[in-house]
């Protein structure tokens, strides 16, 4: 179910601010600017920002980093991740990619609010969807709540030279790369192994 951003509360905007602060932190560390916060009953329980370049692990998206912290929280509080997520809202600066969206659907999160659509890799509405995945769980989705802010951050990141990018890829910066689908399938497989 997709809702409009006019239905956001003051608390929703507060947690979105945190997600965008984390996205700014990510870009300061030469990471794609994505940040997120998991919230239950108006209480932050985990947060993350992209950590792909530093960790040299392509699956360390903001959502996966935060899910690891959420698993630790669950272990210390005696709850299961699945039981907690059905009560959880995820605030994220950019629409989760296919890998992250699949994990969130399978874990049955209640609600996701994101800053801008991810037209190339978005797993909630842009490229993927629960119908395409054959999943019966319906997430309450509030899209594009801060589109201009998210797009501005992405442009800033991609205008800079990525110091972690191999030299030959820097030369191909303006060419279209077709191998993204193979990469995403590998990420999805690794994601499911990660949560076993």
Foldseek 3Di string as FASTA:
>chain_A
DEDELVPDDPLLVVQLVVQQVLLVVQVVVLHRRKKKFKDAPSHTQFIFAADCLVVVNVLRHGLVVRVVSVCVSCVVVVHDQLVRQLRIEMEMAEADFQLSVVVSLVSQHAEYEYQAYDQPGHQPPRPHHCVNVVGPRDHYYHHNNNPVSSVVSNVVSLVDQRPSDDPVVSVCSVPDDDCVVVVVVVSNVVSVVVVD
